């Protein structure tokens, strides 16, 4: 029996991220997902939205059909 796995190359938050520290965030996603670690990737609120910034994922954890990621925001795109 196989395990469904999704490969993601951007972080899509849908507004569900939780701030852990100043630039460190925690996000729980449904299903098992694989993300690149220690490589800058885009952060977006939705797949169709503009990029909110760039982050580096520090930790990926699979547990009970969810993926939990901890990421550090390294740049923020401003509308100013």
N, C-alpha and C. Protein backbone atom coordinates (compact mmCIF):
# COMPACT_ATOMS: atom_id res chain seq x y z
N UNK A 1 0.84 -1.17 0.00
CA UNK A 1 0.00 0.00 0.00
C UNK A 1 0.89 1.24 0.00
N UNK A 2 0.60 2.18 -0.87
CA UNK A 2 1.41 3.38 -0.99
C UNK A 2 0.94 4.50 -0.07
N UNK A 3 1.81 5.48 0.07
CA UNK A 3 1.50 6.65 0.87
C UNK A 3 1.41 7.85 -0.06
N UNK A 4 0.27 8.56 -0.09
CA UNK A 4 0.18 9.74 -0.96
C UNK A 4 1.14 10.83 -0.47
N UNK A 5 1.90 11.40 -1.40
CA UNK A 5 2.91 12.40 -1.06
C UNK A 5 2.88 13.49 -2.10
N UNK A 6 2.90 14.73 -1.66
CA UNK A 6 2.88 15.88 -2.56
C UNK A 6 4.21 16.63 -2.42
N UNK A 7 4.81 17.00 -3.54
CA UNK A 7 6.05 17.77 -3.53
C UNK A 7 5.71 19.24 -3.74
N UNK A 8 6.08 20.09 -2.79
CA UNK A 8 5.78 21.51 -2.85
C UNK A 8 7.05 22.34 -3.01
N UNK A 9 6.97 23.35 -3.87
CA UNK A 9 8.12 24.23 -4.09
C UNK A 9 7.81 25.67 -3.68
N UNK A 10 6.69 25.87 -3.01
CA UNK A 10 6.36 27.16 -2.43
C UNK A 10 5.51 26.90 -1.19
N UNK A 11 5.47 27.88 -0.30
CA UNK A 11 4.65 27.78 0.90
C UNK A 11 3.37 28.57 0.66
N UNK A 12 2.23 27.91 0.74
CA UNK A 12 0.93 28.56 0.60
C UNK A 12 0.26 28.52 1.97
N UNK A 13 0.11 29.69 2.60
CA UNK A 13 -0.32 29.74 4.00
C UNK A 13 -1.82 29.75 4.20
N UNK A 14 -2.58 30.31 3.27
CA UNK A 14 -4.03 30.50 3.41
C UNK A 14 -4.38 31.18 4.73
N UNK A 15 -3.43 31.95 5.28
CA UNK A 15 -3.65 32.68 6.52
C UNK A 15 -3.60 31.84 7.78
N UNK A 16 -3.13 30.59 7.68
CA UNK A 16 -3.12 29.67 8.83
C UNK A 16 -1.78 29.62 9.57
N UNK A 17 -0.82 30.43 9.17
CA UNK A 17 0.49 30.39 9.82
C UNK A 17 0.41 31.00 11.23
N UNK A 18 1.24 30.50 12.12
CA UNK A 18 1.33 31.00 13.49
C UNK A 18 2.76 31.49 13.73
N UNK A 19 2.88 32.70 14.27
CA UNK A 19 4.20 33.26 14.56
C UNK A 19 4.74 32.59 15.83
N UNK A 20 5.98 32.07 15.74
CA UNK A 20 6.65 31.44 16.88
C UNK A 20 7.58 32.46 17.53
N UNK A 21 8.36 33.13 16.71
CA UNK A 21 9.26 34.20 17.13
C UNK A 21 9.15 35.31 16.11
N UNK A 22 10.06 36.26 16.15
CA UNK A 22 9.98 37.43 15.28
C UNK A 22 9.80 37.06 13.80
N UNK A 23 10.70 36.28 13.23
CA UNK A 23 10.62 35.89 11.82
C UNK A 23 10.43 34.39 11.64
N UNK A 24 10.04 33.69 12.67
CA UNK A 24 9.87 32.24 12.62
C UNK A 24 8.38 31.91 12.72
N UNK A 25 7.91 31.07 11.78
CA UNK A 25 6.49 30.74 11.71
C UNK A 25 6.30 29.23 11.68
N UNK A 26 5.11 28.79 12.12
CA UNK A 26 4.74 27.37 12.12
C UNK A 26 3.44 27.24 11.32
N UNK A 27 3.38 26.23 10.46
CA UNK A 27 2.21 26.02 9.61
C UNK A 27 1.90 24.53 9.55
N UNK A 28 0.62 24.19 9.68
CA UNK A 28 0.17 22.80 9.58
C UNK A 28 -0.65 22.68 8.29
N UNK A 29 -0.28 21.72 7.44
CA UNK A 29 -0.98 21.46 6.18
C UNK A 29 -1.55 20.05 6.22
N UNK A 30 -2.69 19.85 5.59
CA UNK A 30 -3.31 18.52 5.50
C UNK A 30 -2.50 17.65 4.54
N UNK A 31 -2.40 16.38 4.84
CA UNK A 31 -1.72 15.43 3.98
C UNK A 31 -0.21 15.45 4.19
N UNK A 32 0.45 14.54 3.49
CA UNK A 32 1.91 14.44 3.57
C UNK A 32 2.52 15.24 2.43
N UNK A 33 3.38 16.18 2.76
CA UNK A 33 4.00 17.06 1.77
C UNK A 33 5.51 17.09 2.00
N UNK A 34 6.23 17.19 0.91
CA UNK A 34 7.68 17.27 0.96
C UNK A 34 8.10 18.66 0.51
N UNK A 35 8.92 19.33 1.30
CA UNK A 35 9.42 20.68 1.00
C UNK A 35 10.94 20.68 0.99
N UNK A 36 11.54 21.56 0.19
CA UNK A 36 13.00 21.71 0.26
C UNK A 36 13.38 22.40 1.57
N UNK A 37 14.42 21.93 2.21
CA UNK A 37 14.88 22.51 3.48
C UNK A 37 16.15 23.32 3.22
N UNK A 38 16.26 24.47 3.90
CA UNK A 38 17.42 25.36 3.83
C UNK A 38 17.66 25.95 2.44
N UNK A 39 16.60 26.06 1.64
CA UNK A 39 16.66 26.69 0.32
C UNK A 39 15.57 27.76 0.29
N UNK A 40 15.87 28.99 -0.11
CA UNK A 40 14.83 30.03 -0.16
C UNK A 40 13.72 29.67 -1.15
N UNK A 41 12.47 29.76 -0.68
CA UNK A 41 11.31 29.52 -1.53
C UNK A 41 10.26 30.61 -1.28
N UNK A 42 9.36 30.77 -2.23
CA UNK A 42 8.30 31.78 -2.14
C UNK A 42 7.26 31.45 -1.08
N UNK A 43 6.72 32.51 -0.48
CA UNK A 43 5.60 32.38 0.44
C UNK A 43 4.44 33.15 -0.18
N UNK A 44 3.27 32.50 -0.26
CA UNK A 44 2.07 33.15 -0.80
C UNK A 44 0.89 32.85 0.11
N UNK A 45 -0.07 33.75 0.12
CA UNK A 45 -1.29 33.52 0.91
C UNK A 45 -2.17 32.49 0.20
N UNK A 46 -2.31 32.58 -1.13
CA UNK A 46 -3.00 31.58 -1.94
C UNK A 46 -2.12 31.28 -3.15
N UNK A 47 -2.43 30.24 -3.87
CA UNK A 47 -1.64 29.88 -5.04
C UNK A 47 -1.68 30.97 -6.09
N UNK A 48 -2.83 31.63 -6.25
CA UNK A 48 -3.00 32.66 -7.27
C UNK A 48 -2.49 34.03 -6.84
N UNK A 49 -2.28 34.25 -5.56
CA UNK A 49 -1.87 35.58 -5.08
C UNK A 49 -0.41 35.88 -5.41
N UNK A 50 -0.06 37.16 -5.33
CA UNK A 50 1.33 37.56 -5.51
C UNK A 50 2.16 37.05 -4.34
N UNK A 51 3.46 36.97 -4.55
CA UNK A 51 4.37 36.51 -3.52
C UNK A 51 4.36 37.46 -2.33
N UNK A 52 4.26 36.90 -1.13
CA UNK A 52 4.31 37.71 0.10
C UNK A 52 5.74 37.92 0.56
N UNK A 53 6.63 37.01 0.17
CA UNK A 53 8.01 37.09 0.58
C UNK A 53 8.75 35.81 0.27
N UNK A 54 9.90 35.67 0.91
CA UNK A 54 10.76 34.49 0.73
C UNK A 54 11.08 33.92 2.10
N UNK A 55 11.09 32.59 2.19
CA UNK A 55 11.35 31.93 3.46
C UNK A 55 12.28 30.75 3.26
N UNK A 56 12.88 30.32 4.36
CA UNK A 56 13.70 29.12 4.39
C UNK A 56 13.07 28.18 5.40
N UNK A 57 12.74 26.97 4.96
CA UNK A 57 12.13 25.99 5.85
C UNK A 57 13.22 25.37 6.72
N UNK A 58 12.98 25.38 8.01
CA UNK A 58 13.94 24.87 8.99
C UNK A 58 13.59 23.46 9.46
N UNK A 59 12.29 23.12 9.45
CA UNK A 59 11.88 21.81 9.97
C UNK A 59 10.61 21.35 9.26
N UNK A 60 10.56 20.07 8.90
CA UNK A 60 9.37 19.43 8.33
C UNK A 60 9.07 18.20 9.17
N UNK A 61 7.81 18.07 9.59
CA UNK A 61 7.44 16.93 10.42
C UNK A 61 6.12 16.36 9.91
N UNK A 62 6.07 15.05 9.70
CA UNK A 62 4.84 14.37 9.29
C UNK A 62 4.25 13.70 10.52
N UNK A 63 2.93 13.91 10.70
CA UNK A 63 2.29 13.32 11.87
C UNK A 63 0.79 13.26 11.64
N UNK A 64 0.21 12.09 11.80
CA UNK A 64 -1.24 11.89 11.72
C UNK A 64 -1.87 12.54 10.49
N UNK A 65 -1.33 12.22 9.32
CA UNK A 65 -1.82 12.69 8.02
C UNK A 65 -1.76 14.22 7.87
N UNK A 66 -0.82 14.83 8.56
CA UNK A 66 -0.57 16.27 8.40
C UNK A 66 0.93 16.50 8.23
N UNK A 67 1.27 17.63 7.65
CA UNK A 67 2.66 18.07 7.54
C UNK A 67 2.78 19.36 8.32
N UNK A 68 3.72 19.38 9.23
CA UNK A 68 3.97 20.58 10.03
C UNK A 68 5.32 21.15 9.62
N UNK A 69 5.33 22.43 9.23
CA UNK A 69 6.59 23.05 8.84
C UNK A 69 6.87 24.26 9.72
N UNK A 70 8.14 24.47 9.98
CA UNK A 70 8.62 25.66 10.66
C UNK A 70 9.52 26.36 9.67
N UNK A 71 9.21 27.63 9.39
CA UNK A 71 10.00 28.36 8.41
C UNK A 71 10.37 29.75 8.93
N UNK A 72 11.50 30.24 8.40
CA UNK A 72 11.99 31.56 8.76
C UNK A 72 11.80 32.49 7.57
N UNK A 73 11.08 33.56 7.78
CA UNK A 73 10.87 34.57 6.73
C UNK A 73 12.15 35.37 6.58
N UNK A 74 12.75 35.34 5.38
CA UNK A 74 14.01 36.07 5.17
C UNK A 74 13.83 37.36 4.40
N UNK A 75 12.71 37.49 3.68
CA UNK A 75 12.39 38.77 3.04
C UNK A 75 10.89 38.89 2.89
N UNK A 76 10.40 40.12 3.00
CA UNK A 76 8.98 40.39 2.93
C UNK A 76 8.75 41.37 1.79
N UNK A 77 7.82 41.03 0.89
CA UNK A 77 7.48 41.93 -0.21
C UNK A 77 6.45 42.93 0.29
N UNK A 78 6.73 44.20 0.11
CA UNK A 78 5.87 45.25 0.60
C UNK A 78 5.12 45.89 -0.56
N UNK A 79 3.92 46.39 -0.29
CA UNK A 79 3.14 47.07 -1.34
C UNK A 79 3.47 48.55 -1.40
N UNK A 80 4.35 49.05 -0.56
CA UNK A 80 4.73 50.47 -0.53
C UNK A 80 5.58 50.83 -1.71
